[in-house]
Structure formats: C-alpha cells, structure tokens
Amino acid sequence: MPPLRPLAATPVLEVGLVICWSSGFIGGTLASATTSIYLVLFWRFLLISLLLLPLAGRGIARMAPRELALQALLGTFAMFGYLATLITAIDQGVPAGTAALIAALQPLATAALAGLVLSESVSARQWLGLLVGFGGVALAVGGGLDQAPLWGYGLTLLSMASIVTATLIARRQARPSPLLPSLSVQSAVAALLFLPLALLDGTLVPEATGSFVYAILWFILFSTLGGYGFYWACLARTSATRVSSLIYLTPPVTTLWAFVMFGQAITPGAVAGFLVCLAGVWLAKARRSTATLPTTTCSGS
C-alpha cells in the first residue's frame, strides 16, 4: 500500500493525539493510587527509553551532537518541565479543573508566538476558534482560585509555558527527526531529571503491585508512545496553531475517559463545553494546501 499523503493522514493522527493526550490525566489518577507519582514517572520514562533502544539505537547513533542536544532540550521542556510543574501544582492543592483551564491557554500562547518565532500567520478565523475553544474548556472544567497558594498557580503557568516552548522548538526544525530515536532520547533525559524527585520521595525500587505495573504500562503505551508520538507527528505535518488547538478537546475527552474507567458522572456543563470546544477547533482548523506542508515528516525509523 502506498504511503498516505500528509493531508490524508493528518486527521487520523489528530484523532489519535486527542485520545492519547487525554489518557495522561487518567494515568495520573492510576499512579496516584499506587505510590509516589514522581517514582511512577521516573520508571515510565526510563522503561520507554530502554524499550525503544533496540529499535532506535541505530538512528540515535546517526544523530549529530546538535540533534542530540535538541532532543534533550525537547525532553526537558515537553516531558519533564511540563509534567513536573503540573504535578507539583496539583499536589499543592490546585484543582485539577483549574489546572486544565490554565493549561488550555497553550493554544492561545502558541498562536501569539507562532508569528514571531515561526513566521506562521494566524487568521482572524483561527483566533476566533482559539477563543471559542478556551470558552468551551472554561465551561467544561470551571475551577476556583482559593484552594492553593499563589505559587502553585504559577507552576501551572510554567507547565503551560514549557509545552509551548517545546512546540515552538520542534516546529522550528528545518527537518523533523525520526520519531522513535527522538522519543528514546527525550525519555532518557526526562528519566534522568525525574530521578532526584523520585529519590526525595523515598526509594527508587517500587513495590511491583498489579496497580503499579498497570499505571506504568498505561503511561508507556497511551501517554508516551501515543501522546507524544502523535503530537510530534502532527506537528511535523501542519502548523503549531492547528496542533495546539486540538488540546482544547482533551478536557472533555478526559471526562469521557473518567466515565468509562472510573464511573465518574458526565455533567451537562461538560457536554456543553465539549460541543463549544468542537466548534472552536473547527474554526481554528485553517485549510492548508499540500504545497505548504513539510515534505519530510517524522518517521518510525
């Protein structure tokens, strides 16, 4: 079968991104019921980097020092910076809904910076879609500002800034890197950075319970290979603004995940927010011709 053209493959990748990126919040719930979340994240990234090594080792060996440094930087911002600050903020009492709402500023921040950093134009329709999408997230999750110290909310903003920074760095690459070697290097760097946080919580040797193994496997398959894999693949095929706008769909889809996994009720506000988010993403999904798409995209080699 011939390879899919970029525009034909992109919608499939975007659906995968929304589903798998949302799974990370469910993984956090599974992990918090077992042991230290930092310990879970350390083992998550350590194991995925080791598991990918046989498939990615040759590609890593071919990477120039500058490329290795770039992937290390992406791992620092997109994996460690994004997750460590968000988890610490929630641990300090920031409501999960409020954290999701602040994280939903990502598409607006990305669009605002895309013109300056990437020379990407953002149309009036896209801006409208981003604003509508943010309104949908606010409607779906809500949240208050009186349950945690102010610096906890600052950490949530820092988390959002970390993933925006990684998005702009990755999109600025002249030629996207092979996917599996990139994920392997990024995960190894994230594991190294989570190491001291895991040590502060106690031991690096977890109790190998069924729930711990389940949480690790969930994170590896859905949140890392799926979430980050789809994110980088989508970013290689289309604009940073379009990819970031899909993040608006993750809070409502997370609500659906929680209903299926834990039986948590789906509120009318969540349903209304999801519909508004869909409208926002549709508005922000600017049409692009195949001529404007990168000719080289992330591969699995």
Protein backbone atom coordinates (compact mmCIF):
# COMPACT_ATOMS: atom_id res chain seq x y z
CA MET A 1 0.00 0.00 0.00
CA PRO A 2 1.46 3.41 -0.91
CA PRO A 3 2.14 5.83 1.97
CA LEU A 4 -0.62 8.24 2.90
CA ARG A 5 -0.31 11.79 1.63
CA PRO A 6 0.24 14.28 4.50
CA LEU A 7 -3.26 15.81 4.33
CA ALA A 8 -4.92 12.39 4.18
CA ALA A 9 -3.01 11.08 7.19
CA THR A 10 -3.29 14.17 9.37
CA PRO A 11 -6.94 13.74 10.56
CA VAL A 12 -6.17 10.18 11.71
CA LEU A 13 -3.12 11.38 13.61
CA GLU A 14 -5.11 14.26 15.14
CA VAL A 15 -7.79 11.91 16.47
CA GLY A 16 -5.04 9.72 17.93
CA LEU A 17 -3.44 12.79 19.52
CA VAL A 18 -6.64 13.89 21.27
CA ILE A 19 -7.39 10.39 22.60
CA CYS A 20 -3.85 9.63 23.76
CA TRP A 21 -3.03 13.10 25.15
CA SER A 22 -6.19 12.86 27.27
CA SER A 23 -5.06 9.49 28.61
CA GLY A 24 -2.26 11.15 30.58
CA PHE A 25 -4.71 12.56 33.11
CA ILE A 26 -6.17 9.08 33.63
CA GLY A 27 -2.66 7.69 34.04
CA GLY A 28 -2.05 10.26 36.76
CA THR A 29 -5.14 9.04 38.60
CA LEU A 30 -3.99 5.43 38.30
CA ALA A 31 -0.48 6.33 39.50
CA SER A 32 -1.59 8.44 42.46
CA ALA A 33 -3.46 5.42 43.85
CA THR A 34 -0.26 3.36 44.00
CA THR A 35 2.85 5.24 45.12
CA SER A 36 4.81 8.44 44.51
CA ILE A 37 3.82 9.96 41.18
CA TYR A 38 7.45 11.04 40.66
CA LEU A 39 8.56 7.43 41.07
CA VAL A 40 5.98 6.33 38.51
CA LEU A 41 7.13 9.00 36.05
CA PHE A 42 10.80 8.08 36.57
CA TRP A 43 10.09 4.43 35.73
CA ARG A 44 7.75 5.42 32.90
CA PHE A 45 10.45 7.33 31.05
CA LEU A 46 13.31 5.01 32.00
CA LEU A 47 11.49 1.94 30.71
CA ILE A 48 10.28 3.53 27.49
CA SER A 49 13.79 4.75 26.66
CA LEU A 50 15.17 1.23 27.25
CA LEU A 51 12.36 -0.46 25.34
CA LEU A 52 12.88 1.80 22.33
CA LEU A 53 16.66 1.41 22.32
CA PRO A 54 16.80 -1.78 20.18
CA LEU A 55 14.58 -0.12 17.56
CA ALA A 56 16.04 3.36 17.84
CA GLY A 57 19.71 2.67 18.64
CA ARG A 58 20.91 2.90 15.03
CA GLY A 59 19.01 6.14 14.49
CA ILE A 60 20.43 7.63 17.71
CA ALA A 61 23.95 6.68 16.62
CA ARG A 62 23.43 8.61 13.37
CA MET A 63 22.32 11.78 15.18
CA ALA A 64 24.74 14.67 15.13
CA PRO A 65 25.65 16.22 18.52
CA ARG A 66 23.47 19.23 17.74
CA GLU A 67 20.49 16.95 17.04
CA LEU A 68 21.05 15.02 20.27
CA ALA A 69 21.17 18.32 22.17
CA LEU A 70 17.93 19.42 20.51
CA GLN A 71 16.13 16.20 21.51
CA ALA A 72 17.47 16.55 25.05
CA LEU A 73 16.05 20.07 25.13
CA LEU A 74 12.66 18.81 23.93
CA GLY A 75 12.67 16.12 26.62
CA THR A 76 13.48 18.74 29.24
CA PHE A 77 10.61 21.04 28.28
CA ALA A 78 7.92 18.75 26.82
CA MET A 79 8.25 15.86 29.26
CA PHE A 80 9.97 16.93 32.47
CA GLY A 81 9.13 20.64 32.57
CA TYR A 82 5.52 20.15 31.52
CA LEU A 83 4.75 17.23 33.84
CA ALA A 84 6.85 18.03 36.92
CA THR A 85 5.43 21.53 37.36
CA LEU A 86 1.84 20.43 36.66
CA ILE A 87 2.00 17.52 39.11
CA THR A 88 3.59 19.65 41.83
CA ALA A 89 0.91 22.32 41.35
CA ILE A 90 -1.91 19.79 41.75
CA ASP A 91 -0.11 18.31 44.76
CA GLN A 92 -0.12 21.80 46.31
CA GLY A 93 -3.89 21.97 46.04
CA VAL A 94 -4.54 23.48 42.61
CA PRO A 95 -7.86 21.91 41.50
CA ALA A 96 -7.45 19.61 38.51
CA GLY A 97 -10.14 21.54 36.63
CA THR A 98 -8.35 24.84 37.21
CA ALA A 99 -5.04 23.27 36.15
CA ALA A 100 -6.70 22.07 32.93
CA LEU A 101 -8.13 25.54 32.35
CA ILE A 102 -4.73 27.21 32.74
CA ALA A 103 -3.15 24.53 30.54
CA ALA A 104 -5.78 25.39 27.93
CA LEU A 105 -4.05 28.74 27.48
CA GLN A 106 -1.47 26.80 25.45
CA PRO A 107 -3.15 27.23 22.05
CA LEU A 108 -3.57 30.98 22.57
CA ALA A 109 0.03 31.38 23.73
CA THR A 110 1.30 29.25 20.83
CA ALA A 111 -0.68 31.26 18.30
CA ALA A 112 0.56 34.54 19.77
CA LEU A 113 4.18 33.41 19.50
CA ALA A 114 3.94 31.48 16.22
CA GLY A 115 4.07 34.64 14.14
CA LEU A 116 7.13 35.95 15.97
CA VAL A 117 9.10 32.70 16.23
CA LEU A 118 7.88 30.65 13.26
CA SER A 119 6.57 33.32 10.88
CA GLU A 120 3.26 31.43 10.82
CA SER A 121 0.25 33.60 10.05
CA VAL A 122 -2.82 33.18 12.26
CA SER A 123 -6.06 34.20 10.58
CA ALA A 124 -8.95 36.03 12.24
CA ARG A 125 -10.99 32.83 11.96
CA GLN A 126 -8.28 30.89 13.80
CA TRP A 127 -8.12 33.49 16.58
CA LEU A 128 -11.90 33.27 16.92
CA GLY A 129 -11.68 29.49 17.07
CA LEU A 130 -9.00 29.62 19.77
CA LEU A 131 -11.09 31.99 21.89
CA VAL A 132 -14.23 29.88 21.41
CA GLY A 133 -12.27 26.75 22.32
CA PHE A 134 -10.95 28.34 25.50
CA GLY A 135 -14.51 29.28 26.41
CA GLY A 136 -15.53 25.66 25.91
CA VAL A 137 -12.79 24.44 28.24
CA ALA A 138 -13.87 27.00 30.87
CA LEU A 139 -17.45 25.78 30.57
CA ALA A 140 -16.41 22.14 30.82
CA VAL A 141 -14.00 22.28 33.78
CA GLY A 142 -14.55 25.53 35.71
CA GLY A 143 -12.49 25.81 38.92
CA GLY A 144 -11.65 28.30 41.64
CA LEU A 145 -8.60 30.25 42.73
CA ASP A 146 -8.81 29.90 46.51
CA GLN A 147 -7.69 26.35 47.22
CA ALA A 148 -3.91 26.59 46.78
CA PRO A 149 -1.01 29.02 47.31
CA LEU A 150 -0.42 31.57 44.58
CA TRP A 151 2.89 29.98 43.57
CA GLY A 152 1.00 26.75 42.86
CA TYR A 153 -0.88 28.53 40.10
CA GLY A 154 2.43 29.96 38.92
CA LEU A 155 3.71 26.40 38.49
CA THR A 156 0.68 25.62 36.32
CA LEU A 157 1.51 28.60 34.12
CA LEU A 158 5.12 27.38 33.97
CA SER A 159 3.85 23.96 32.88
CA MET A 160 1.90 25.55 30.05
CA ALA A 161 4.93 27.64 29.05
CA SER A 162 7.10 24.52 28.95
CA ILE A 163 4.94 22.68 26.40
CA VAL A 164 4.57 25.87 24.33
CA THR A 165 8.35 26.27 24.29
CA ALA A 166 8.82 22.65 23.20
CA THR A 167 6.19 23.07 20.48
CA LEU A 168 7.91 26.12 19.01
CA ILE A 169 11.35 24.49 19.17
CA ALA A 170 10.13 21.32 17.45
CA ARG A 171 8.17 23.21 14.78
CA ARG A 172 11.19 25.40 14.03
CA GLN A 173 13.27 22.39 12.93
CA ALA A 174 14.08 22.55 9.26
CA ARG A 175 13.76 18.78 9.01
CA PRO A 176 11.76 16.79 11.59
CA SER A 177 13.69 13.98 13.24
CA PRO A 178 12.87 10.24 13.10
CA LEU A 179 10.21 9.61 15.71
CA LEU A 180 11.46 6.59 17.69
CA PRO A 181 15.07 7.79 18.19
CA SER A 182 13.71 11.19 19.22
CA LEU A 183 11.32 9.70 21.77
CA SER A 184 14.07 7.48 23.14
CA VAL A 185 16.46 10.38 23.76
CA GLN A 186 13.71 12.63 25.15
CA SER A 187 12.51 9.90 27.53
CA ALA A 188 16.03 9.15 28.75
CA VAL A 189 16.58 12.82 29.59
CA ALA A 190 13.19 13.04 31.34
CA ALA A 191 14.02 9.93 33.42
CA LEU A 192 17.33 11.47 34.46
CA LEU A 193 15.61 14.69 35.54
CA PHE A 194 12.85 12.87 37.45
CA LEU A 195 15.46 10.78 39.28
CA PRO A 196 16.18 13.29 42.11
CA LEU A 197 12.46 13.99 42.60
CA ALA A 198 11.79 10.27 42.96
CA LEU A 199 14.67 9.94 45.43
CA LEU A 200 13.26 12.78 47.54
CA ASP A 201 10.05 10.77 47.89
CA GLY A 202 11.94 7.72 49.20
CA THR A 203 13.20 4.76 47.20
CA LEU A 204 13.75 4.06 43.52
CA VAL A 205 12.64 0.45 43.96
CA PRO A 206 8.85 0.37 43.69
CA GLU A 207 6.58 -2.29 45.09
CA ALA A 208 5.72 -4.25 41.95
CA THR A 209 1.99 -4.41 42.56
CA GLY A 210 -0.52 -5.00 39.79
CA SER A 211 -1.77 -1.42 40.03
CA PHE A 212 1.77 -0.01 39.69
CA VAL A 213 2.51 -2.16 36.62
CA TYR A 214 -0.85 -1.19 35.15
CA ALA A 215 -0.13 2.53 35.61
CA ILE A 216 3.32 2.18 34.03
CA LEU A 217 2.01 0.25 31.03
CA TRP A 218 -0.79 2.79 30.59
CA PHE A 219 1.70 5.66 30.58
CA ILE A 220 4.08 3.91 28.18
CA LEU A 221 1.52 2.77 25.60
CA PHE A 222 -1.01 5.59 25.61
CA SER A 223 0.62 8.70 27.06
CA THR A 224 4.20 8.37 25.78
CA LEU A 225 4.19 6.36 22.57
CA GLY A 226 0.69 7.55 21.73
CA GLY A 227 0.51 11.05 23.20
CA TYR A 228 3.98 12.38 22.41
CA GLY A 229 4.28 10.27 19.29
CA PHE A 230 1.10 11.69 17.77
CA TYR A 231 1.98 15.20 18.98
CA TRP A 232 5.35 15.31 17.21
CA ALA A 233 3.95 13.57 14.10
CA CYS A 234 1.09 16.08 13.81
CA LEU A 235 3.45 18.98 14.41
CA ALA A 236 5.66 17.80 11.53
CA ARG A 237 2.68 17.85 9.14
CA THR A 238 0.82 21.04 9.98
CA SER A 239 1.02 24.33 11.88
CA ALA A 240 1.74 24.80 15.57
CA THR A 241 -1.54 26.71 15.97
CA ARG A 242 -3.61 23.89 14.48
CA VAL A 243 -1.95 21.20 16.59
CA SER A 244 -2.25 23.25 19.78
CA SER A 245 -5.93 23.93 19.13
CA LEU A 246 -6.59 20.18 19.48
CA ILE A 247 -5.59 20.44 23.15
CA TYR A 248 -8.97 22.10 23.72
CA LEU A 249 -10.59 18.72 23.15
CA THR A 250 -8.57 16.93 25.83
CA PRO A 251 -10.50 18.04 28.97
CA PRO A 252 -13.87 16.85 27.60
CA VAL A 253 -12.34 13.62 26.27
CA THR A 254 -10.67 13.12 29.66
CA THR A 255 -14.16 13.38 31.19
CA LEU A 256 -15.26 10.57 28.87
CA TRP A 257 -12.19 8.51 29.83
CA ALA A 258 -13.03 9.03 33.52
CA PHE A 259 -16.62 7.91 32.95
CA VAL A 260 -15.52 4.71 31.21
CA MET A 261 -12.64 3.94 33.61
CA PHE A 262 -13.97 5.10 36.98
CA GLY A 263 -17.68 5.67 36.52
CA GLN A 264 -17.39 9.41 37.12
CA ALA A 265 -20.53 11.28 36.09
CA ILE A 266 -20.60 13.39 32.93
CA THR A 267 -22.17 16.73 33.80
CA PRO A 268 -24.30 18.87 31.46
CA GLY A 269 -21.55 21.50 31.64
CA ALA A 270 -19.01 19.00 30.35
CA VAL A 271 -21.27 18.10 27.42
CA ALA A 272 -21.91 21.76 26.58
CA GLY A 273 -18.20 22.54 26.91
CA PHE A 274 -17.31 19.68 24.59
CA LEU A 275 -19.67 21.00 21.90
CA VAL A 276 -18.22 24.51 22.23
CA CYS A 277 -14.68 23.07 22.05
CA LEU A 278 -15.58 21.22 18.86
CA ALA A 279 -16.79 24.47 17.32
CA GLY A 280 -13.61 26.23 18.38
CA VAL A 281 -11.33 23.55 16.94
CA TRP A 282 -13.30 23.56 13.68
CA LEU A 283 -12.87 27.33 13.39
CA ALA A 284 -9.15 27.12 14.23
CA LYS A 285 -8.56 24.35 11.69
CA ALA A 286 -7.38 26.55 8.83
CA ARG A 287 -7.19 24.89 5.46
CA ARG A 288 -3.70 24.39 4.10
CA SER A 289 -2.63 23.23 0.68
CA THR A 290 -0.28 20.33 0.23
CA ALA A 291 2.32 22.72 -1.13
CA THR A 292 2.70 24.39 2.25
CA LEU A 293 3.25 21.17 4.17
CA PRO A 294 6.73 19.91 5.02
CA THR A 295 7.94 17.31 2.58
CA THR A 296 9.79 15.34 5.27
CA THR A 297 7.86 14.22 8.33
CA CYS A 298 8.58 12.19 11.42
CA SER A 299 9.01 8.54 10.59
CA GLY A 300 9.13 5.43 12.71
CA SER A 301 12.69 4.60 11.71
